[in-house]
Amino acid sequence: MARRFSKPKSELPFLSPQAFEDEAALILAEYGNAHQQVTDPPVPIDDIIEEHFKLVLQIDNLRAKFPEGDVLGAIYFNDKKIVVDASLIPEDFPAMRGRYRFTLAHELAHWRLHRHLYLRRANEPQLLPSGEPKPDHVLRDGKPDPKEYQANRLASCLLMPREMVKRLWHEAQGGMDPVYLDDLRPRQQQILTAEVLRRGGLSMGQDAVDNALFEHVARPLAQKFEVSPEAMRIRLEGMNLLLRKKEPSLFA
């Protein structure tokens, strides 16, 4: 059974990697029991938020409201409302579909994991310049902290369920063997040329090159799960399906 989050309100609980997997599986099971089972990607994150959790989804120009930071999403706990920046709407900006879906999952993760930290003071009478209530939490691009880390981990597990990823990896690769960077080096120039054309440019630092090689492998799965290649690459690395180094064999 998934671990329940019942720590004291003032404390951010430590969660093991398995706890995030379990909680994501529990959310999908709850949604499946109440609505429909999710057996194939993409995970219907909009429906999970609106139909199961009964949260309101709203689009707004958050970057204009919060010019001091690159705000992508916000949550109002007492109002049960998630707001996403208009720059992420996939109908207008198809390339942002993965970022949009991850932002939704990230904010839902805050609702699931952290609302006990906010509800005591949710929607305090602090107003934005427009006179609107201030959101209880905002997602700023590139601003990690422990709550953000937890929300990202749960969002990743929810959008890319472990067993579903393993099944599609097996179908695509013909087995569960990992892909190593060394496996991709012979095709590095070909892969990087394709990635440069696709992205319109690419940093040539070693980390950026290695990430691009892995994201090339991750891209077909990313398209199925409707997440970014970066998000899928991070998920596959966390599942040890993409590995940067081959460990020497004891029997070589």
C-alpha atoms as a PDB file:
ATOM      1  CA  MET A   1       0.000   0.000   0.000  1.00  0.00           C
ATOM      2  CA  ALA A   2       1.267   3.490  -0.812  1.00  0.00           C
ATOM      3  CA  ARG A   3       2.642   5.533   2.018  1.00  0.00           C
ATOM      4  CA  ARG A   4       0.227   8.160   3.307  1.00  0.00           C
ATOM      5  CA  PHE A   5       1.478  11.642   4.007  1.00  0.00           C
ATOM      6  CA  SER A   6       0.518  12.286   7.627  1.00  0.00           C
ATOM      7  CA  LYS A   7       3.531  14.086   9.064  1.00  0.00           C
ATOM      8  CA  PRO A   8       2.961  17.122  11.272  1.00  0.00           C
ATOM      9  CA  LYS A   9       1.821  20.177   9.363  1.00  0.00           C
ATOM     10  CA  SER A  10       4.981  22.109  10.055  1.00  0.00           C
ATOM     11  CA  GLU A  11       7.240  19.369   8.733  1.00  0.00           C
ATOM     12  CA  LEU A  12       8.091  18.478   5.144  1.00  0.00           C
ATOM     13  CA  PRO A  13       8.257  14.666   5.223  1.00  0.00           C
ATOM     14  CA  PHE A  14      11.124  12.724   3.733  1.00  0.00           C
ATOM     15  CA  LEU A  15       9.887  10.532   0.905  1.00  0.00           C
ATOM     16  CA  SER A  16      11.860   7.655  -0.537  1.00  0.00           C
ATOM     17  CA  PRO A  17      12.014   7.120  -4.302  1.00  0.00           C
ATOM     18  CA  GLN A  18       9.580   4.215  -3.909  1.00  0.00           C
ATOM     19  CA  ALA A  19       7.119   6.451  -2.055  1.00  0.00           C
ATOM     20  CA  PHE A  20       6.763   8.660  -5.148  1.00  0.00           C
ATOM     21  CA  GLU A  21       6.193   5.594  -7.327  1.00  0.00           C
ATOM     22  CA  ASP A  22       3.577   4.287  -4.889  1.00  0.00           C
ATOM     23  CA  GLU A  23       1.768   7.587  -4.606  1.00  0.00           C
ATOM     24  CA  ALA A  24       1.586   8.012  -8.379  1.00  0.00           C
ATOM     25  CA  ALA A  25       0.238   4.460  -8.708  1.00  0.00           C
ATOM     26  CA  LEU A  26      -2.346   5.207  -6.025  1.00  0.00           C
ATOM     27  CA  ILE A  27      -3.540   8.355  -7.808  1.00  0.00           C
ATOM     28  CA  LEU A  28      -3.948   6.414 -11.055  1.00  0.00           C
ATOM     29  CA  ALA A  29      -5.746   3.584  -9.232  1.00  0.00           C
ATOM     30  CA  GLU A  30      -8.133   6.061  -7.585  1.00  0.00           C
ATOM     31  CA  TYR A  31      -8.853   7.666 -10.932  1.00  0.00           C
ATOM     32  CA  GLY A  32      -9.267   4.282 -12.573  1.00  0.00           C
ATOM     33  CA  ASN A  33     -11.723   3.046  -9.947  1.00  0.00           C
ATOM     34  CA  ALA A  34     -13.811   6.206 -10.138  1.00  0.00           C
ATOM     35  CA  HIS A  35     -13.586   6.908 -13.871  1.00  0.00           C
ATOM     36  CA  GLN A  36     -11.545   4.732 -16.244  1.00  0.00           C
ATOM     37  CA  GLN A  37      -8.384   2.687 -16.034  1.00  0.00           C
ATOM     38  CA  VAL A  38      -5.241   4.226 -17.495  1.00  0.00           C
ATOM     39  CA  THR A  39      -3.452   1.448 -19.345  1.00  0.00           C
ATOM     40  CA  ASP A  40      -1.668   3.330 -22.124  1.00  0.00           C
ATOM     41  CA  PRO A  41      -0.041   6.725 -22.497  1.00  0.00           C
ATOM     42  CA  PRO A  42      -0.604   9.595 -22.408  1.00  0.00           C
ATOM     43  CA  VAL A  43      -1.874   9.847 -18.841  1.00  0.00           C
ATOM     44  CA  PRO A  44      -5.008  12.096 -18.914  1.00  0.00           C
ATOM     45  CA  ILE A  45      -3.647  14.644 -16.457  1.00  0.00           C
ATOM     46  CA  ASP A  46      -6.301  17.277 -17.246  1.00  0.00           C
ATOM     47  CA  ASP A  47      -9.116  14.832 -16.481  1.00  0.00           C
ATOM     48  CA  ILE A  48      -7.409  13.581 -13.326  1.00  0.00           C
ATOM     49  CA  ILE A  49      -7.191  17.136 -12.044  1.00  0.00           C
ATOM     50  CA  GLU A  50     -10.686  18.228 -13.007  1.00  0.00           C
ATOM     51  CA  GLU A  51     -12.778  15.057 -12.788  1.00  0.00           C
ATOM     52  CA  HIS A  52     -11.118  13.236  -9.910  1.00  0.00           C
ATOM     53  CA  PHE A  53      -9.634  15.978  -7.730  1.00  0.00           C
ATOM     54  CA  LYS A  54     -12.346  18.511  -8.649  1.00  0.00           C
ATOM     55  CA  LEU A  55      -9.770  21.267  -9.093  1.00  0.00           C
ATOM     56  CA  VAL A  56     -10.397  24.183 -11.426  1.00  0.00           C
ATOM     57  CA  LEU A  57      -7.953  24.683 -14.313  1.00  0.00           C
ATOM     58  CA  GLN A  58      -7.450  28.236 -15.476  1.00  0.00           C
ATOM     59  CA  ILE A  59      -5.205  29.932 -18.040  1.00  0.00           C
ATOM     60  CA  ASP A  60      -3.746  33.363 -17.308  1.00  0.00           C
ATOM     61  CA  ASN A  61      -0.802  35.601 -18.144  1.00  0.00           C
ATOM     62  CA  LEU A  62       1.180  34.742 -15.023  1.00  0.00           C
ATOM     63  CA  ARG A  63       4.406  36.202 -16.351  1.00  0.00           C
ATOM     64  CA  ALA A  64       2.764  39.606 -16.558  1.00  0.00           C
ATOM     65  CA  LYS A  65       1.383  39.272 -13.024  1.00  0.00           C
ATOM     66  CA  PHE A  66       4.727  38.151 -11.630  1.00  0.00           C
ATOM     67  CA  PRO A  67       7.333  40.116 -13.596  1.00  0.00           C
ATOM     68  CA  GLU A  68       9.916  39.443 -10.896  1.00  0.00           C
ATOM     69  CA  GLY A  69      10.098  35.764 -11.863  1.00  0.00           C
ATOM     70  CA  ASP A  70       9.453  33.388 -14.755  1.00  0.00           C
ATOM     71  CA  VAL A  71       6.201  31.952 -13.351  1.00  0.00           C
ATOM     72  CA  LEU A  72       4.746  28.968 -15.217  1.00  0.00           C
ATOM     73  CA  GLY A  73       2.051  27.773 -12.808  1.00  0.00           C
ATOM     74  CA  ALA A  74       0.289  28.673  -9.589  1.00  0.00           C
ATOM     75  CA  ILE A  75      -2.067  27.025  -7.126  1.00  0.00           C
ATOM     76  CA  TYR A  76      -4.754  28.457  -4.826  1.00  0.00           C
ATOM     77  CA  PHE A  77      -5.428  25.832  -2.175  1.00  0.00           C
ATOM     78  CA  ASN A  78      -8.600  27.211  -0.591  1.00  0.00           C
ATOM     79  CA  ASP A  79     -10.080  27.952  -4.019  1.00  0.00           C
ATOM     80  CA  LYS A  80      -9.002  24.507  -5.314  1.00  0.00           C
ATOM     81  CA  LYS A  81      -7.622  26.175  -8.426  1.00  0.00           C
ATOM     82  CA  ILE A  82      -4.557  25.600 -10.614  1.00  0.00           C
ATOM     83  CA  VAL A  83      -3.484  28.339 -13.000  1.00  0.00           C
ATOM     84  CA  VAL A  84      -1.098  27.823 -15.927  1.00  0.00           C
ATOM     85  CA  ASP A  85       0.692  30.526 -17.873  1.00  0.00           C
ATOM     86  CA  ALA A  86      -0.757  31.249 -21.314  1.00  0.00           C
ATOM     87  CA  SER A  87       2.636  30.689 -22.955  1.00  0.00           C
ATOM     88  CA  LEU A  88       2.294  26.941 -22.335  1.00  0.00           C
ATOM     89  CA  ILE A  89      -1.097  26.321 -23.953  1.00  0.00           C
ATOM     90  CA  PRO A  90      -0.541  23.513 -26.478  1.00  0.00           C
ATOM     91  CA  GLU A  91      -3.376  24.598 -28.785  1.00  0.00           C
ATOM     92  CA  ASP A  92      -1.489  27.845 -29.384  1.00  0.00           C
ATOM     93  CA  PHE A  93       2.068  26.568 -28.854  1.00  0.00           C
ATOM     94  CA  PRO A  94       2.227  22.847 -29.792  1.00  0.00           C
ATOM     95  CA  ALA A  95       5.907  22.602 -28.858  1.00  0.00           C
ATOM     96  CA  MET A  96       4.970  23.423 -25.246  1.00  0.00           C
ATOM     97  CA  ARG A  97       2.606  20.456 -24.786  1.00  0.00           C
ATOM     98  CA  GLY A  98       5.113  18.523 -22.674  1.00  0.00           C
ATOM     99  CA  ARG A  99       5.894  21.550 -20.509  1.00  0.00           C
ATOM    100  CA  TYR A 100       2.172  22.269 -20.096  1.00  0.00           C
ATOM    101  CA  ARG A 101       1.407  18.734 -18.972  1.00  0.00           C
ATOM    102  CA  PHE A 102       4.360  18.627 -16.598  1.00  0.00           C
ATOM    103  CA  THR A 103       3.292  21.949 -15.065  1.00  0.00           C
ATOM    104  CA  LEU A 104      -0.194  20.541 -14.448  1.00  0.00           C
ATOM    105  CA  ALA A 105       1.233  17.400 -12.868  1.00  0.00           C
ATOM    106  CA  HIS A 106       3.662  19.472 -10.786  1.00  0.00           C
ATOM    107  CA  GLU A 107       0.884  21.622  -9.345  1.00  0.00           C
ATOM    108  CA  LEU A 108      -1.295  18.559  -8.703  1.00  0.00           C
ATOM    109  CA  ALA A 109       1.668  17.047  -6.842  1.00  0.00           C
ATOM    110  CA  HIS A 110       1.738  20.106  -4.581  1.00  0.00           C
ATOM    111  CA  TRP A 111      -1.968  19.570  -3.907  1.00  0.00           C
ATOM    112  CA  ARG A 112      -1.413  15.932  -3.059  1.00  0.00           C
ATOM    113  CA  LEU A 113       1.768  16.315  -1.008  1.00  0.00           C
ATOM    114  CA  HIS A 114       1.872  19.802   0.439  1.00  0.00           C
ATOM    115  CA  ARG A 115      -1.567  21.313   0.894  1.00  0.00           C
ATOM    116  CA  HIS A 116      -1.401  20.616   4.643  1.00  0.00           C
ATOM    117  CA  LEU A 117       1.487  23.103   4.760  1.00  0.00           C
ATOM    118  CA  TYR A 118      -0.597  25.846   3.171  1.00  0.00           C
ATOM    119  CA  LEU A 119      -4.260  25.438   4.077  1.00  0.00           C
ATOM    120  CA  ARG A 120      -3.833  27.056   7.501  1.00  0.00           C
ATOM    121  CA  ARG A 121      -2.798  30.264   5.771  1.00  0.00           C
ATOM    122  CA  ALA A 122      -4.127  29.684   2.282  1.00  0.00           C
ATOM    123  CA  ASN A 123      -5.204  32.779   0.371  1.00  0.00           C
ATOM    124  CA  GLU A 124      -3.976  35.182   3.024  1.00  0.00           C
ATOM    125  CA  PRO A 125      -5.245  38.724   2.445  1.00  0.00           C
ATOM    126  CA  GLN A 126      -2.174  39.668   0.420  1.00  0.00           C
ATOM    127  CA  LEU A 127      -3.252  41.096  -2.910  1.00  0.00           C
ATOM    128  CA  LEU A 128      -1.602  41.364  -6.258  1.00  0.00           C
ATOM    129  CA  PRO A 129      -1.504  44.859  -7.810  1.00  0.00           C
ATOM    130  CA  SER A 130      -4.750  44.001  -9.637  1.00  0.00           C
ATOM    131  CA  GLY A 131      -6.491  43.375  -6.313  1.00  0.00           C
ATOM    132  CA  GLU A 132      -6.728  39.620  -6.899  1.00  0.00           C
ATOM    133  CA  PRO A 133      -5.884  37.150  -4.122  1.00  0.00           C
ATOM    134  CA  LYS A 134      -2.275  36.040  -4.064  1.00  0.00           C
ATOM    135  CA  PRO A 135      -1.687  32.369  -4.977  1.00  0.00           C
ATOM    136  CA  ASP A 136      -0.380  30.165  -2.206  1.00  0.00           C
ATOM    137  CA  HIS A 137       2.414  28.745  -4.331  1.00  0.00           C
ATOM    138  CA  VAL A 138       3.915  29.561  -7.712  1.00  0.00           C
ATOM    139  CA  LEU A 139       6.157  27.492  -9.950  1.00  0.00           C
ATOM    140  CA  ARG A 140       9.108  29.564 -11.117  1.00  0.00           C
ATOM    141  CA  ASP A 141      11.295  28.252 -13.901  1.00  0.00           C
ATOM    142  CA  GLY A 142      14.610  26.986 -12.538  1.00  0.00           C
ATOM    143  CA  LYS A 143      13.917  27.650  -8.832  1.00  0.00           C
ATOM    144  CA  PRO A 144      14.378  24.317  -7.025  1.00  0.00           C
ATOM    145  CA  ASP A 145      13.730  23.767  -3.327  1.00  0.00           C
ATOM    146  CA  PRO A 146      12.692  20.646  -1.369  1.00  0.00           C
ATOM    147  CA  LYS A 147       8.985  21.085  -2.155  1.00  0.00           C
ATOM    148  CA  GLU A 148       9.776  21.648  -5.828  1.00  0.00           C
ATOM    149  CA  TYR A 149      11.945  18.537  -5.891  1.00  0.00           C
ATOM    150  CA  GLN A 150       9.146  16.458  -4.393  1.00  0.00           C
ATOM    151  CA  ALA A 151       6.559  17.894  -6.790  1.00  0.00           C
ATOM    152  CA  ASN A 152       8.821  17.184  -9.764  1.00  0.00           C
ATOM    153  CA  ARG A 153       9.424  13.598  -8.643  1.00  0.00           C
ATOM    154  CA  LEU A 154       5.734  12.841  -8.183  1.00  0.00           C
ATOM    155  CA  ALA A 155       4.848  14.592 -11.451  1.00  0.00           C
ATOM    156  CA  SER A 156       7.396  12.455 -13.290  1.00  0.00           C
ATOM    157  CA  CYS A 157       6.081   9.215 -11.776  1.00  0.00           C
ATOM    158  CA  LEU A 158       2.487  10.211 -12.524  1.00  0.00           C
ATOM    159  CA  LEU A 159       2.985  11.212 -16.162  1.00  0.00           C
ATOM    160  CA  MET A 160       5.400   8.345 -16.861  1.00  0.00           C
ATOM    161  CA  PRO A 161       4.193   5.410 -14.732  1.00  0.00           C
ATOM    162  CA  ARG A 162       7.017   2.978 -14.082  1.00  0.00           C
ATOM    163  CA  GLU A 163       5.389  -0.219 -15.347  1.00  0.00           C
ATOM    164  CA  MET A 164       4.000   1.532 -18.408  1.00  0.00           C
ATOM    165  CA  VAL A 165       7.429   2.926 -19.264  1.00  0.00           C
ATOM    166  CA  LYS A 166       9.008  -0.509 -18.829  1.00  0.00           C
ATOM    167  CA  ARG A 167       6.425  -2.108 -21.123  1.00  0.00           C
ATOM    168  CA  LEU A 168       6.920   0.429 -23.899  1.00  0.00           C
ATOM    169  CA  TRP A 169      10.701   0.327 -23.500  1.00  0.00           C
ATOM    170  CA  HIS A 170      10.589  -3.444 -23.929  1.00  0.00           C
ATOM    171  CA  GLU A 171       8.431  -3.072 -27.044  1.00  0.00           C
ATOM    172  CA  ALA A 172      10.744  -0.452 -28.539  1.00  0.00           C
ATOM    173  CA  GLN A 173      14.081  -2.048 -27.598  1.00  0.00           C
ATOM    174  CA  GLY A 174      13.148  -5.709 -27.806  1.00  0.00           C
ATOM    175  CA  GLY A 175      14.157  -6.257 -24.174  1.00  0.00           C
ATOM    176  CA  MET A 176      15.040  -4.509 -20.937  1.00  0.00           C
ATOM    177  CA  ASP A 177      18.725  -3.947 -21.602  1.00  0.00           C
ATOM    178  CA  PRO A 178      19.818  -0.353 -20.910  1.00  0.00           C
ATOM    179  CA  VAL A 179      21.283   1.958 -23.536  1.00  0.00           C
ATOM    180  CA  TYR A 180      24.742   3.310 -22.719  1.00  0.00           C
ATOM    181  CA  LEU A 181      26.376   6.468 -24.002  1.00  0.00           C
ATOM    182  CA  ASP A 182      29.128   4.319 -25.470  1.00  0.00           C
ATOM    183  CA  ASP A 183      26.488   2.546 -27.564  1.00  0.00           C
ATOM    184  CA  LEU A 184      25.600   5.893 -29.152  1.00  0.00           C
ATOM    185  CA  ARG A 185      29.108   7.273 -29.744  1.00  0.00           C
ATOM    186  CA  PRO A 186      29.528   5.663 -33.198  1.00  0.00           C
ATOM    187  CA  ARG A 187      26.414   7.577 -34.350  1.00  0.00           C
ATOM    188  CA  GLN A 188      27.103  10.736 -32.356  1.00  0.00           C
ATOM    189  CA  GLN A 189      27.599  13.076 -35.308  1.00  0.00           C
ATOM    190  CA  GLN A 190      24.499  11.809 -37.075  1.00  0.00           C
ATOM    191  CA  ILE A 191      22.398  12.102 -33.915  1.00  0.00           C
ATOM    192  CA  LEU A 192      23.681  15.580 -33.066  1.00  0.00           C
ATOM    193  CA  THR A 193      23.027  16.822 -36.597  1.00  0.00           C
ATOM    194  CA  ALA A 194      19.436  15.634 -36.321  1.00  0.00           C
ATOM    195  CA  GLU A 195      19.063  17.224 -32.883  1.00  0.00           C
ATOM    196  CA  VAL A 196      20.514  20.559 -34.052  1.00  0.00           C
ATOM    197  CA  LEU A 197      18.065  20.639 -36.961  1.00  0.00           C
ATOM    198  CA  ARG A 198      15.174  19.728 -34.681  1.00  0.00           C
ATOM    199  CA  ARG A 199      16.054  22.214 -31.941  1.00  0.00           C
ATOM    200  CA  GLY A 200      17.504  25.007 -34.041  1.00  0.00           C
ATOM    201  CA  GLY A 201      20.794  24.842 -32.140  1.00  0.00           C
ATOM    202  CA  LEU A 202      22.623  22.951 -29.433  1.00  0.00           C
ATOM    203  CA  SER A 203      25.274  23.725 -26.847  1.00  0.00           C
ATOM    204  CA  MET A 204      28.459  21.803 -27.526  1.00  0.00           C
ATOM    205  CA  GLY A 205      29.440  21.323 -23.875  1.00  0.00           C
ATOM    206  CA  GLN A 206      29.999  17.661 -23.000  1.00  0.00           C
ATOM    207  CA  ASP A 207      26.997  17.446 -20.671  1.00  0.00           C
ATOM    208  CA  ALA A 208      24.745  19.029 -23.299  1.00  0.00           C
ATOM    209  CA  VAL A 209      26.041  16.631 -25.958  1.00  0.00           C
ATOM    210  CA  ASP A 210      25.495  13.600 -23.731  1.00  0.00           C
ATOM    211  CA  ASN A 211      22.003  14.785 -22.806  1.00  0.00           C
ATOM    212  CA  ALA A 212      21.171  15.312 -26.481  1.00  0.00           C
ATOM    213  CA  LEU A 213      22.272  11.767 -27.309  1.00  0.00           C
ATOM    214  CA  PHE A 214      20.038  10.327 -24.614  1.00  0.00           C
ATOM    215  CA  GLU A 215      17.130  12.620 -25.509  1.00  0.00           C
ATOM    216  CA  HIS A 216      17.355  11.351 -29.078  1.00  0.00           C
ATOM    217  CA  VAL A 217      16.750   7.851 -27.714  1.00  0.00           C
ATOM    218  CA  ALA A 218      14.040   9.090 -25.335  1.00  0.00           C
ATOM    219  CA  ARG A 219      12.140  11.112 -27.942  1.00  0.00           C
ATOM    220  CA  PRO A 220       9.871   8.342 -29.319  1.00  0.00           C
ATOM    221  CA  LEU A 221       8.699   7.478 -25.797  1.00  0.00           C
ATOM    222  CA  ALA A 222       8.384  11.176 -24.939  1.00  0.00           C
ATOM    223  CA  GLN A 223       5.990  11.590 -27.855  1.00  0.00           C
ATOM    224  CA  LYS A 224       3.846   8.690 -26.663  1.00  0.00           C
ATOM    225  CA  PHE A 225       3.676  10.007 -23.095  1.00  0.00           C
ATOM    226  CA  GLU A 226       3.336  13.638 -24.271  1.00  0.00           C
ATOM    227  CA  VAL A 227       6.219  14.858 -22.161  1.00  0.00           C
ATOM    228  CA  SER A 228       9.400  16.634 -23.147  1.00  0.00           C
ATOM    229  CA  PRO A 229      12.412  14.571 -24.280  1.00  0.00           C
ATOM    230  CA  GLU A 230      14.270  16.038 -21.304  1.00  0.00           C
ATOM    231  CA  ALA A 231      11.635  14.793 -18.855  1.00  0.00           C
ATOM    232  CA  MET A 232      11.640  11.348 -20.453  1.00  0.00           C
ATOM    233  CA  ARG A 233      15.438  11.243 -20.465  1.00  0.00           C
ATOM    234  CA  ILE A 234      15.525  12.028 -16.735  1.00  0.00           C
ATOM    235  CA  ARG A 235      12.878   9.371 -16.055  1.00  0.00           C
ATOM    236  CA  LEU A 236      14.733   6.731 -18.065  1.00  0.00           C
ATOM    237  CA  GLU A 237      18.002   7.572 -16.338  1.00  0.00           C
ATOM    238  CA  GLY A 238      16.276   7.261 -12.970  1.00  0.00           C
ATOM    239  CA  MET A 239      15.041   3.809 -14.002  1.00  0.00           C
ATOM    240  CA  ASN A 240      18.568   2.794 -15.117  1.00  0.00           C
ATOM    241  CA  LEU A 241      17.422   2.316 -18.703  1.00  0.00           C
ATOM    242  CA  LEU A 242      19.768   5.047 -19.893  1.00  0.00           C
ATOM    243  CA  LEU A 243      23.214   4.734 -18.327  1.00  0.00           C
ATOM    244  CA  ARG A 244      26.233   6.966 -18.762  1.00  0.00           C
ATOM    245  CA  LYS A 245      28.924   4.425 -17.902  1.00  0.00           C
ATOM    246  CA  LYS A 246      29.340   0.706 -18.262  1.00  0.00           C
ATOM    247  CA  GLU A 247      30.503  -0.866 -15.051  1.00  0.00           C
ATOM    248  CA  PRO A 248      33.421  -3.264 -15.563  1.00  0.00           C
ATOM    249  CA  SER A 249      32.349  -6.872 -15.372  1.00  0.00           C
ATOM    250  CA  LEU A 250      33.820  -9.100 -12.699  1.00  0.00           C
ATOM    251  CA  PHE A 251      33.916 -11.897 -15.239  1.00  0.00           C
ATOM    252  CA  ALA A 252      35.504 -10.000 -18.166  1.00  0.00           C
END
